[in-house]
Amino acid sequence: MPDTAADDIVLMVDELVTNAIEHAEGPVWLRLRLRRGCCVICQVGDGCHEAPRPRPSDPDAESGRGLLLVAALADTFGTRVTATGKVIWFRRRVRDGRIPAPRAAPAIDY
């Protein structure tokens, strides 16, 4: 995938996982999927039922812009409340053509 898409995806994943760890409760999980070889779907779940929302932040603040970054870099994103908490997700196109699917490695139980 193009470097710019990979960099954007890493930044968005980092923001969502950090938010879940800092502001939510319960176990935090991450799921990344390559869909149809052309877009990445990220889902981050936690045990908090409250949907995240962008908050105003001072221009000099070191935090408070994570959701704004995700909104700017993702093709689409949203939140879904579940019985055990919530899932926040984004979808980002990585290229217009199809990317060859990676070879699946056998699952290893550590």
N, C-alpha and C. Protein backbone atom coordinates (compact mmCIF):
# COMPACT_ATOMS: atom_id res chain seq x y z
N MET A 1 0.85 -1.17 0.00
CA MET A 1 0.00 0.00 0.00
C MET A 1 0.89 1.23 0.00
N PRO A 2 0.40 2.33 -0.52
CA PRO A 2 1.22 3.55 -0.54
C PRO A 2 1.61 3.97 0.88
N ASP A 3 2.83 4.52 1.00
CA ASP A 3 3.32 4.92 2.32
C ASP A 3 2.40 5.91 3.01
N THR A 4 1.84 6.86 2.27
CA THR A 4 0.97 7.86 2.91
C THR A 4 -0.26 7.20 3.51
N ALA A 5 -0.84 6.23 2.83
CA ALA A 5 -2.01 5.53 3.38
C ALA A 5 -1.61 4.76 4.62
N ALA A 6 -0.48 4.08 4.58
CA ALA A 6 -0.02 3.31 5.75
C ALA A 6 0.23 4.23 6.93
N ASP A 7 0.87 5.36 6.70
CA ASP A 7 1.14 6.31 7.78
C ASP A 7 -0.16 6.83 8.39
N ASP A 8 -1.12 7.15 7.54
CA ASP A 8 -2.42 7.65 8.03
C ASP A 8 -3.13 6.59 8.86
N ILE A 9 -3.10 5.35 8.40
CA ILE A 9 -3.78 4.26 9.11
C ILE A 9 -3.12 4.02 10.47
N VAL A 10 -1.80 4.03 10.51
CA VAL A 10 -1.09 3.85 11.79
C VAL A 10 -1.47 4.97 12.75
N LEU A 11 -1.53 6.20 12.28
CA LEU A 11 -1.89 7.34 13.13
C LEU A 11 -3.32 7.18 13.67
N MET A 12 -4.27 6.81 12.79
CA MET A 12 -5.66 6.67 13.23
C MET A 12 -5.82 5.53 14.23
N VAL A 13 -5.16 4.40 13.98
CA VAL A 13 -5.22 3.27 14.91
C VAL A 13 -4.66 3.70 16.26
N ASP A 14 -3.52 4.37 16.25
CA ASP A 14 -2.90 4.85 17.48
C ASP A 14 -3.85 5.76 18.26
N GLU A 15 -4.51 6.67 17.57
CA GLU A 15 -5.42 7.60 18.24
C GLU A 15 -6.59 6.86 18.89
N LEU A 16 -7.20 5.92 18.16
CA LEU A 16 -8.37 5.22 18.69
C LEU A 16 -8.01 4.29 19.85
N VAL A 17 -6.89 3.58 19.73
CA VAL A 17 -6.47 2.69 20.81
C VAL A 17 -6.08 3.51 22.05
N THR A 18 -5.36 4.59 21.85
CA THR A 18 -4.98 5.45 22.97
C THR A 18 -6.21 6.01 23.67
N ASN A 19 -7.19 6.47 22.90
CA ASN A 19 -8.43 6.98 23.51
C ASN A 19 -9.12 5.90 24.33
N ALA A 20 -9.19 4.69 23.79
CA ALA A 20 -9.85 3.61 24.52
C ALA A 20 -9.12 3.31 25.83
N ILE A 21 -7.81 3.30 25.79
CA ILE A 21 -7.03 3.00 27.00
C ILE A 21 -7.17 4.13 28.03
N GLU A 22 -7.13 5.37 27.57
CA GLU A 22 -7.14 6.51 28.49
C GLU A 22 -8.54 6.86 29.00
N HIS A 23 -9.57 6.68 28.19
CA HIS A 23 -10.89 7.22 28.55
C HIS A 23 -11.97 6.17 28.77
N ALA A 24 -11.70 4.92 28.52
CA ALA A 24 -12.73 3.89 28.63
C ALA A 24 -12.38 2.93 29.76
N GLU A 25 -13.14 1.87 29.85
CA GLU A 25 -12.91 0.86 30.87
C GLU A 25 -13.03 -0.52 30.22
N GLY A 26 -12.64 -1.52 30.99
CA GLY A 26 -12.75 -2.88 30.48
C GLY A 26 -11.67 -3.19 29.49
N PRO A 27 -11.71 -4.40 28.95
CA PRO A 27 -10.69 -4.79 27.98
C PRO A 27 -10.82 -3.98 26.69
N VAL A 28 -9.69 -3.70 26.09
CA VAL A 28 -9.64 -2.99 24.80
C VAL A 28 -9.16 -3.99 23.76
N TRP A 29 -9.81 -3.99 22.60
CA TRP A 29 -9.39 -4.88 21.53
C TRP A 29 -9.33 -4.12 20.21
N LEU A 30 -8.57 -4.66 19.28
CA LEU A 30 -8.35 -4.05 17.97
C LEU A 30 -8.54 -5.11 16.90
N ARG A 31 -9.22 -4.73 15.83
CA ARG A 31 -9.37 -5.61 14.67
C ARG A 31 -9.10 -4.79 13.42
N LEU A 32 -8.19 -5.26 12.58
CA LEU A 32 -7.89 -4.63 11.29
C LEU A 32 -8.20 -5.63 10.19
N ARG A 33 -8.87 -5.17 9.15
CA ARG A 33 -9.18 -6.04 8.01
C ARG A 33 -8.85 -5.32 6.72
N LEU A 34 -8.34 -6.07 5.76
CA LEU A 34 -8.17 -5.59 4.41
C LEU A 34 -9.40 -6.08 3.65
N ARG A 35 -10.23 -5.17 3.21
CA ARG A 35 -11.50 -5.54 2.58
C ARG A 35 -11.41 -5.40 1.07
N ARG A 36 -11.69 -6.51 0.41
CA ARG A 36 -11.70 -6.56 -1.05
C ARG A 36 -10.42 -6.02 -1.67
N GLY A 37 -9.36 -6.07 -0.93
CA GLY A 37 -8.06 -5.66 -1.44
C GLY A 37 -7.89 -4.18 -1.70
N CYS A 38 -8.84 -3.36 -1.29
CA CYS A 38 -8.70 -1.94 -1.62
C CYS A 38 -8.94 -1.00 -0.44
N CYS A 39 -9.45 -1.48 0.69
CA CYS A 39 -9.61 -0.58 1.83
C CYS A 39 -9.36 -1.34 3.13
N VAL A 40 -8.95 -0.57 4.13
CA VAL A 40 -8.70 -1.11 5.46
C VAL A 40 -9.84 -0.68 6.36
N ILE A 41 -10.34 -1.63 7.14
CA ILE A 41 -11.35 -1.34 8.15
C ILE A 41 -10.73 -1.61 9.50
N CYS A 42 -10.80 -0.64 10.38
CA CYS A 42 -10.28 -0.75 11.73
C CYS A 42 -11.45 -0.68 12.70
N GLN A 43 -11.45 -1.56 13.69
CA GLN A 43 -12.43 -1.52 14.77
C GLN A 43 -11.68 -1.58 16.09
N VAL A 44 -12.03 -0.69 17.01
CA VAL A 44 -11.46 -0.69 18.35
C VAL A 44 -12.63 -0.76 19.33
N GLY A 45 -12.60 -1.78 20.18
CA GLY A 45 -13.67 -1.96 21.15
C GLY A 45 -13.19 -1.79 22.57
N ASP A 46 -14.12 -1.38 23.44
CA ASP A 46 -13.81 -1.26 24.87
C ASP A 46 -15.09 -1.49 25.65
N GLY A 47 -15.00 -1.43 26.98
CA GLY A 47 -16.12 -1.73 27.84
C GLY A 47 -16.98 -0.55 28.23
N CYS A 48 -16.75 0.61 27.66
CA CYS A 48 -17.52 1.82 27.99
C CYS A 48 -18.68 1.98 27.02
N HIS A 49 -19.87 2.27 27.52
CA HIS A 49 -21.05 2.42 26.66
C HIS A 49 -21.22 3.84 26.11
N GLU A 50 -20.42 4.77 26.56
CA GLU A 50 -20.55 6.16 26.13
C GLU A 50 -19.78 6.38 24.82
N ALA A 51 -20.47 6.93 23.83
CA ALA A 51 -19.83 7.20 22.53
C ALA A 51 -18.86 8.37 22.67
N PRO A 52 -17.69 8.26 22.05
CA PRO A 52 -16.74 9.37 22.11
C PRO A 52 -17.24 10.53 21.26
N ARG A 53 -16.83 11.71 21.62
CA ARG A 53 -17.20 12.88 20.82
C ARG A 53 -16.03 13.86 20.82
N PRO A 54 -15.84 14.52 19.70
CA PRO A 54 -14.76 15.51 19.65
C PRO A 54 -15.00 16.59 20.69
N ARG A 55 -13.95 17.06 21.29
CA ARG A 55 -14.09 18.12 22.28
C ARG A 55 -13.24 19.31 21.87
N PRO A 56 -13.68 20.48 22.24
CA PRO A 56 -12.85 21.65 21.90
C PRO A 56 -11.52 21.58 22.64
N SER A 57 -10.48 21.99 21.97
CA SER A 57 -9.18 21.98 22.63
C SER A 57 -8.44 23.27 22.31
N ASP A 58 -7.65 23.67 23.25
CA ASP A 58 -6.82 24.86 23.10
C ASP A 58 -5.78 24.59 22.02
N PRO A 59 -5.46 25.57 21.19
CA PRO A 59 -4.46 25.35 20.13
C PRO A 59 -3.10 24.87 20.65
N ASP A 60 -2.78 25.20 21.89
CA ASP A 60 -1.50 24.79 22.47
C ASP A 60 -1.58 23.48 23.24
N ALA A 61 -2.77 22.90 23.34
CA ALA A 61 -2.94 21.66 24.10
C ALA A 61 -2.23 20.50 23.41
N GLU A 62 -1.74 19.56 24.22
CA GLU A 62 -1.04 18.40 23.67
C GLU A 62 -1.98 17.26 23.36
N SER A 63 -3.24 17.38 23.68
CA SER A 63 -4.21 16.32 23.41
C SER A 63 -5.55 16.94 23.03
N GLY A 64 -6.49 16.06 22.64
CA GLY A 64 -7.84 16.54 22.35
C GLY A 64 -8.19 16.62 20.88
N ARG A 65 -7.28 16.18 20.01
CA ARG A 65 -7.57 16.28 18.57
C ARG A 65 -7.66 14.92 17.87
N GLY A 66 -7.62 13.84 18.61
CA GLY A 66 -7.59 12.50 18.03
C GLY A 66 -8.76 12.21 17.11
N LEU A 67 -9.98 12.45 17.58
CA LEU A 67 -11.15 12.17 16.75
C LEU A 67 -11.22 13.10 15.54
N LEU A 68 -10.73 14.32 15.70
CA LEU A 68 -10.70 15.24 14.55
C LEU A 68 -9.72 14.73 13.49
N LEU A 69 -8.60 14.17 13.92
CA LEU A 69 -7.65 13.58 12.97
C LEU A 69 -8.27 12.39 12.25
N VAL A 70 -8.94 11.53 13.00
CA VAL A 70 -9.58 10.36 12.39
C VAL A 70 -10.64 10.83 11.38
N ALA A 71 -11.44 11.81 11.75
CA ALA A 71 -12.47 12.32 10.84
C ALA A 71 -11.85 12.90 9.57
N ALA A 72 -10.70 13.54 9.69
CA ALA A 72 -10.05 14.15 8.53
C ALA A 72 -9.37 13.12 7.63
N LEU A 73 -8.84 12.04 8.20
CA LEU A 73 -8.05 11.09 7.42
C LEU A 73 -8.84 9.87 6.92
N ALA A 74 -9.93 9.54 7.59
CA ALA A 74 -10.71 8.36 7.21
C ALA A 74 -11.70 8.71 6.11
N ASP A 75 -12.05 7.70 5.31
CA ASP A 75 -13.12 7.90 4.33
C ASP A 75 -14.45 8.01 5.07
N THR A 76 -14.60 7.22 6.12
CA THR A 76 -15.78 7.28 6.97
C THR A 76 -15.42 6.66 8.30
N PHE A 77 -16.12 7.10 9.38
CA PHE A 77 -15.90 6.49 10.68
C PHE A 77 -17.17 6.64 11.51
N GLY A 78 -17.26 5.86 12.57
CA GLY A 78 -18.44 5.94 13.41
C GLY A 78 -18.26 5.14 14.68
N THR A 79 -19.34 5.10 15.45
CA THR A 79 -19.35 4.39 16.72
C THR A 79 -20.61 3.54 16.80
N ARG A 80 -20.47 2.35 17.36
CA ARG A 80 -21.61 1.46 17.56
C ARG A 80 -21.58 1.00 19.02
N VAL A 81 -22.67 1.27 19.75
CA VAL A 81 -22.77 0.80 21.13
C VAL A 81 -23.21 -0.66 21.09
N THR A 82 -22.58 -1.47 21.91
CA THR A 82 -22.88 -2.90 21.97
C THR A 82 -23.34 -3.27 23.38
N ALA A 83 -23.70 -4.51 23.58
CA ALA A 83 -24.12 -4.98 24.91
C ALA A 83 -22.97 -4.92 25.91
N THR A 84 -21.74 -5.02 25.45
CA THR A 84 -20.59 -5.03 26.36
C THR A 84 -19.79 -3.75 26.36
N GLY A 85 -20.18 -2.77 25.58
CA GLY A 85 -19.44 -1.50 25.52
C GLY A 85 -19.70 -0.78 24.22
N LYS A 86 -18.63 -0.48 23.50
CA LYS A 86 -18.78 0.18 22.20
C LYS A 86 -17.66 -0.22 21.28
N VAL A 87 -17.89 0.02 20.00
CA VAL A 87 -16.88 -0.18 18.96
C VAL A 87 -16.81 1.12 18.18
N ILE A 88 -15.62 1.67 18.05
CA ILE A 88 -15.42 2.81 17.16
C ILE A 88 -14.63 2.28 15.97
N TRP A 89 -14.99 2.72 14.78
CA TRP A 89 -14.41 2.14 13.57
C TRP A 89 -14.12 3.23 12.55
N PHE A 90 -13.24 2.89 11.62
CA PHE A 90 -13.03 3.74 10.44
C PHE A 90 -12.75 2.86 9.24
N ARG A 91 -12.98 3.43 8.08
CA ARG A 91 -12.64 2.77 6.81
C ARG A 91 -11.78 3.74 6.03
N ARG A 92 -10.70 3.22 5.45
CA ARG A 92 -9.78 4.05 4.66
C ARG A 92 -9.38 3.29 3.40
N ARG A 93 -9.63 3.89 2.25
CA ARG A 93 -9.19 3.32 0.98
C ARG A 93 -7.67 3.41 0.93
N VAL A 94 -7.06 2.33 0.49
CA VAL A 94 -5.60 2.31 0.41
C VAL A 94 -5.10 2.42 -1.02
N ARG A 95 -5.93 2.07 -1.96
CA ARG A 95 -5.60 2.30 -3.36
C ARG A 95 -6.82 1.97 -4.19
N ASP A 96 -6.85 2.51 -5.40
CA ASP A 96 -8.02 2.31 -6.25
C ASP A 96 -8.09 0.91 -6.83
N GLY A 97 -6.95 0.32 -7.10
CA GLY A 97 -6.94 -1.04 -7.65
C GLY A 97 -6.97 -2.07 -6.55
N ARG A 98 -6.98 -3.30 -6.92
CA ARG A 98 -7.03 -4.40 -5.96
C ARG A 98 -5.62 -4.73 -5.47
N ILE A 99 -5.48 -4.93 -4.17
CA ILE A 99 -4.21 -5.34 -3.58
C ILE A 99 -4.24 -6.85 -3.44
N PRO A 100 -3.18 -7.54 -3.85
CA PRO A 100 -3.18 -9.00 -3.66
C PRO A 100 -3.37 -9.34 -2.18
N ALA A 101 -4.20 -10.32 -1.92
CA ALA A 101 -4.44 -10.73 -0.53
C ALA A 101 -3.19 -11.37 0.02
N PRO A 102 -2.86 -11.07 1.29
CA PRO A 102 -1.68 -11.71 1.90
C PRO A 102 -1.94 -13.18 2.10
N ARG A 103 -0.88 -13.95 2.08
CA ARG A 103 -1.01 -15.38 2.36
C ARG A 103 -1.32 -15.56 3.83
N ALA A 104 -2.28 -16.38 4.11
CA ALA A 104 -2.67 -16.63 5.49
C ALA A 104 -1.69 -17.59 6.13
N ALA A 105 -1.18 -17.21 7.26
CA ALA A 105 -0.29 -18.09 8.03
C ALA A 105 -1.16 -18.89 9.00
N PRO A 106 -0.76 -20.08 9.32
CA PRO A 106 -1.55 -20.85 10.29
C PRO A 106 -1.59 -20.13 11.63
N ALA A 107 -2.71 -20.23 12.32
CA ALA A 107 -2.86 -19.59 13.62
C ALA A 107 -1.92 -20.26 14.63
N ILE A 108 -1.29 -19.44 15.44
CA ILE A 108 -0.39 -19.94 16.47
C ILE A 108 -0.96 -19.51 17.81
N ASP A 109 -1.13 -20.43 18.71
CA ASP A 109 -1.64 -20.14 20.04
C ASP A 109 -0.46 -19.99 20.98
N TYR A 110 -0.26 -18.78 21.48
CA TYR A 110 0.87 -18.52 22.37
C TYR A 110 0.52 -18.75 23.80
